[in-house]
Amino acid sequence: MRAEPTCPRCVGPLRAPSVWSSDWTCPVHGAVLPRQPSKRPGAESLAAVLSDTRVPVWTPWPLPHGWLITGFGTAGDERTGVRGCAVALSGPNLLGGPADMLLIAEEPGVGLGAHHAGLDGPDPGAGFDSVPPQVKVDISGPRATPGGTVSMWSVQAAPDRAVYVGEAMGNWLWAVLWPATAGVLMLEPQTLLDLREPGMEPHLPYGAHCGRLDE
């Protein structure tokens, strides 16, 4: 049986569109974009995401040493297209042990990034950028500004993870890392590649599916 879409903000059940409403509706959060079941890591899953996305599909490139792509998550449906996209990666924590990371691009108000970050609201909240940014990443791709740099801020979230958020190409960009100590990875120089355009897909290495996508 195929898993049903869920709320991107609370992972709760949704009421499907009907003759009375075209919206997916959460009993708690009202009309939302449906969070679809996660996709297994692989070229076919990536192609399915790229065929329907309206937001960037970010991956670090080159990948950090020992890291692999471990799945994809989306929010949206056939009518709306993908308006929130998560790319999962897994690899060694620089401070020891394994680590996971979700890179999430989404339109404001979707709530996929905030949910994975452990925040209540759909967005990072007012004032998150009132201090100097803790992280800066370069972005690359046909739609990115040449030499573009994105500032990212650490936001207070669940204690078991590190969270950074900024704005890139008109969409939120979230980096959520487990455990919290894995956040030091973002202090290393990083270039994020937008995979949407033809010719921008490198030979990506894939690993086992990341369960963080389904939390």
Protein backbone atom coordinates (compact mmCIF):
# COMPACT_ATOMS: atom_id res chain seq x y z
CA MET A 1 0.00 0.00 0.00
CA ARG A 2 1.35 3.39 -0.99
CA ALA A 3 1.95 5.77 1.91
CA GLU A 4 -0.35 8.78 2.01
CA PRO A 5 0.79 12.41 1.87
CA THR A 6 1.15 14.13 5.25
CA CYS A 7 1.36 17.66 6.62
CA PRO A 8 4.81 19.19 6.04
CA ARG A 9 4.60 21.00 9.38
CA CYS A 10 3.54 18.17 11.72
CA VAL A 11 3.53 14.96 9.61
CA GLY A 12 -0.13 14.53 10.54
CA PRO A 13 -2.82 13.12 8.23
CA LEU A 14 -4.40 15.33 5.58
CA ARG A 15 -7.86 15.66 4.12
CA ALA A 16 -7.52 15.25 0.36
CA PRO A 17 -8.92 17.76 -2.17
CA SER A 18 -12.61 17.35 -2.92
CA VAL A 19 -15.39 18.93 -4.96
CA TRP A 20 -15.65 21.57 -2.23
CA SER A 21 -11.95 22.44 -1.94
CA SER A 22 -8.84 21.99 -4.05
CA ASP A 23 -6.59 22.14 -0.97
CA TRP A 24 -4.94 19.44 1.07
CA THR A 25 -6.02 20.27 4.61
CA CYS A 26 -4.40 19.56 7.98
CA PRO A 27 -6.73 19.59 11.02
CA VAL A 28 -4.10 21.64 12.87
CA HIS A 29 -2.50 23.85 10.21
CA GLY A 30 -5.25 24.25 7.63
CA ALA A 31 -4.46 24.31 3.91
CA VAL A 32 -0.92 23.04 3.25
CA LEU A 33 1.17 21.60 0.47
CA PRO A 34 1.27 17.81 0.98
CA ARG A 35 4.52 16.22 2.07
CA GLN A 36 5.00 13.21 -0.16
CA PRO A 37 6.55 9.88 0.94
CA SER A 38 10.32 10.10 0.71
CA LYS A 39 12.12 8.84 -2.36
CA ARG A 40 14.90 6.29 -2.21
CA PRO A 41 18.39 7.42 -3.24
CA GLY A 42 19.11 6.89 -6.92
CA ALA A 43 19.14 8.48 -10.35
CA GLU A 44 15.49 7.62 -11.08
CA SER A 45 14.30 9.31 -7.90
CA LEU A 46 16.36 12.40 -8.66
CA ALA A 47 14.93 12.53 -12.19
CA ALA A 48 11.40 12.38 -10.78
CA VAL A 49 12.13 15.30 -8.45
CA LEU A 50 13.79 17.36 -11.17
CA SER A 51 10.88 16.84 -13.56
CA ASP A 52 8.43 18.60 -11.25
CA THR A 53 10.35 20.98 -9.01
CA ARG A 54 9.87 24.74 -8.86
CA VAL A 55 12.60 25.26 -6.26
CA PRO A 56 16.33 24.49 -6.30
CA VAL A 57 17.59 20.96 -5.67
CA TRP A 58 20.76 21.61 -3.72
CA THR A 59 23.72 19.36 -3.09
CA PRO A 60 27.24 20.22 -1.96
CA TRP A 61 29.66 19.71 -4.81
CA PRO A 62 32.12 18.29 -4.48
CA LEU A 63 30.61 16.26 -1.68
CA PRO A 64 32.43 16.33 1.67
CA HIS A 65 34.88 13.44 1.94
CA GLY A 66 33.06 10.16 2.58
CA TRP A 67 29.55 11.61 2.17
CA LEU A 68 26.79 10.11 -0.03
CA ILE A 69 23.36 11.18 -1.31
CA THR A 70 20.81 9.20 0.71
CA GLY A 71 17.36 10.21 -0.52
CA PHE A 72 14.93 12.96 -1.44
CA GLY A 73 11.84 14.52 0.09
CA THR A 74 9.25 16.82 -1.48
CA ALA A 75 6.23 18.94 -0.63
CA GLY A 76 3.64 19.59 -3.34
CA ASP A 77 1.48 17.59 -5.74
CA GLU A 78 0.71 17.24 -9.44
CA ARG A 79 -1.27 20.47 -9.40
CA THR A 80 1.24 22.66 -7.54
CA GLY A 81 4.52 21.06 -8.52
CA VAL A 82 7.30 20.54 -5.98
CA ARG A 83 7.48 23.70 -3.82
CA GLY A 84 9.72 22.26 -1.13
CA CYS A 85 12.61 19.86 -1.76
CA ALA A 86 14.93 18.08 0.67
CA VAL A 87 18.14 16.32 -0.36
CA ALA A 88 19.49 13.93 2.27
CA LEU A 89 23.18 13.22 2.70
CA SER A 90 25.01 10.97 5.13
CA GLY A 91 28.67 10.64 6.02
CA PRO A 92 31.27 10.93 8.76
CA ASN A 93 30.94 13.59 11.43
CA LEU A 94 34.12 15.65 11.57
CA LEU A 95 34.04 15.23 15.36
CA GLY A 96 33.53 11.48 15.21
CA GLY A 97 30.74 9.04 14.40
CA PRO A 98 28.13 9.12 11.62
CA ALA A 99 26.12 12.18 10.60
CA ASP A 100 23.13 13.09 8.47
CA MET A 101 22.26 16.33 6.71
CA LEU A 102 19.16 17.61 4.96
CA LEU A 103 19.52 20.49 2.50
CA ILE A 104 16.07 21.95 1.99
CA ALA A 105 14.89 24.57 -0.51
CA GLU A 106 11.32 25.76 -0.18
CA GLU A 107 9.01 28.64 -0.86
CA PRO A 108 8.10 30.75 2.19
CA GLY A 109 5.27 29.29 4.23
CA VAL A 110 5.68 25.65 3.18
CA GLY A 111 7.05 24.53 6.56
CA LEU A 112 9.11 21.50 5.48
CA GLY A 113 12.39 23.04 6.62
CA ALA A 114 11.01 24.34 9.90
CA HIS A 115 9.60 20.90 10.73
CA HIS A 116 12.94 19.16 10.20
CA ALA A 117 14.61 21.98 12.14
CA GLY A 118 12.33 21.36 15.13
CA LEU A 119 10.62 24.77 14.91
CA ASP A 120 6.91 25.42 15.41
CA GLY A 121 6.36 27.98 12.65
CA PRO A 122 6.50 27.40 8.89
CA ASP A 123 9.49 29.78 8.57
CA PRO A 124 12.54 30.64 10.73
CA GLY A 125 10.71 33.50 12.49
CA ALA A 126 11.26 37.24 12.78
CA GLY A 127 14.70 38.43 13.83
CA PHE A 128 16.61 35.25 13.04
CA ASP A 129 18.98 37.33 10.90
CA SER A 130 19.42 40.21 13.37
CA VAL A 131 23.02 39.18 14.10
CA PRO A 132 25.94 38.59 11.72
CA PRO A 133 25.65 35.28 9.79
CA GLN A 134 27.53 32.33 11.17
CA VAL A 135 27.94 30.57 7.81
CA LYS A 136 28.41 31.59 4.18
CA VAL A 137 28.14 29.17 1.26
CA ASP A 138 28.73 29.63 -2.45
CA ILE A 139 25.97 28.61 -4.85
CA SER A 140 26.37 27.41 -8.41
CA GLY A 141 24.06 26.61 -11.31
CA PRO A 142 22.52 28.25 -14.38
CA ARG A 143 19.98 30.21 -12.33
CA ALA A 144 22.43 31.27 -9.64
CA THR A 145 24.15 34.64 -9.71
CA PRO A 146 27.76 34.06 -10.79
CA GLY A 147 29.95 34.11 -7.73
CA GLY A 148 26.85 34.15 -5.54
CA THR A 149 27.29 33.79 -1.81
CA VAL A 150 24.47 32.94 0.59
CA SER A 151 24.57 34.02 4.22
CA MET A 152 23.11 31.55 6.73
CA TRP A 153 22.19 31.95 10.37
CA SER A 154 22.09 29.42 13.17
CA VAL A 155 18.58 29.12 14.61
CA GLN A 156 17.64 27.68 17.97
CA ALA A 157 15.92 24.36 17.49
CA ALA A 158 15.92 20.87 18.99
CA PRO A 159 19.14 20.15 20.94
CA ASP A 160 19.96 17.02 18.94
CA ARG A 161 20.61 18.88 15.69
CA ALA A 162 22.33 21.92 14.20
CA VAL A 163 20.28 24.21 11.96
CA TYR A 164 21.31 26.98 9.58
CA VAL A 165 18.94 28.97 7.37
CA GLY A 166 19.26 31.68 4.74
CA GLU A 167 17.67 32.86 1.51
CA ALA A 168 18.83 31.74 -1.91
CA MET A 169 17.21 32.64 -5.23
CA GLY A 170 13.97 33.75 -3.58
CA ASN A 171 13.54 30.59 -1.49
CA TRP A 172 14.51 29.49 1.99
CA LEU A 173 17.66 27.41 2.19
CA TRP A 174 17.92 25.18 5.27
CA ALA A 175 20.80 22.97 6.37
CA VAL A 176 19.79 20.60 9.17
CA LEU A 177 22.47 18.29 10.58
CA TRP A 178 22.40 15.43 13.09
CA PRO A 179 23.93 15.19 15.64
CA ALA A 180 24.35 18.81 16.70
CA THR A 181 28.15 18.48 16.59
CA ALA A 182 27.92 17.79 12.85
CA GLY A 183 27.14 21.48 12.38
CA VAL A 184 30.89 22.14 12.21
CA LEU A 185 30.73 20.79 8.65
CA MET A 186 29.04 24.04 7.59
CA LEU A 187 32.01 26.01 8.85
CA GLU A 188 34.10 24.37 6.14
CA PRO A 189 34.06 25.98 2.65
CA GLN A 190 30.99 24.66 0.81
CA THR A 191 29.68 25.15 -2.73
CA LEU A 192 26.06 24.15 -3.32
CA LEU A 193 25.08 23.03 -6.80
CA ASP A 194 21.53 23.44 -8.13
CA LEU A 195 20.76 20.27 -10.06
CA ARG A 196 17.66 21.50 -11.93
CA GLU A 197 19.17 22.42 -15.28
CA PRO A 198 20.29 19.93 -17.97
CA GLY A 199 23.99 19.27 -17.76
CA MET A 200 24.19 20.19 -14.07
CA GLU A 201 23.95 16.62 -12.72
CA PRO A 202 27.38 15.24 -11.85
CA HIS A 203 28.00 11.57 -11.21
CA LEU A 204 26.39 11.42 -7.77
CA PRO A 205 27.31 8.64 -5.34
CA TYR A 206 24.33 7.14 -3.51
CA GLY A 207 24.10 5.36 -0.16
CA ALA A 208 21.42 3.72 2.00
CA HIS A 209 18.14 5.55 2.50
CA CYS A 210 18.21 8.22 5.24
CA GLY A 211 15.43 7.79 7.78
CA ARG A 212 15.55 11.50 8.72
CA LEU A 213 13.42 12.21 5.66
CA ASP A 214 10.48 10.37 7.24
CA GLU A 215 10.67 11.92 10.69
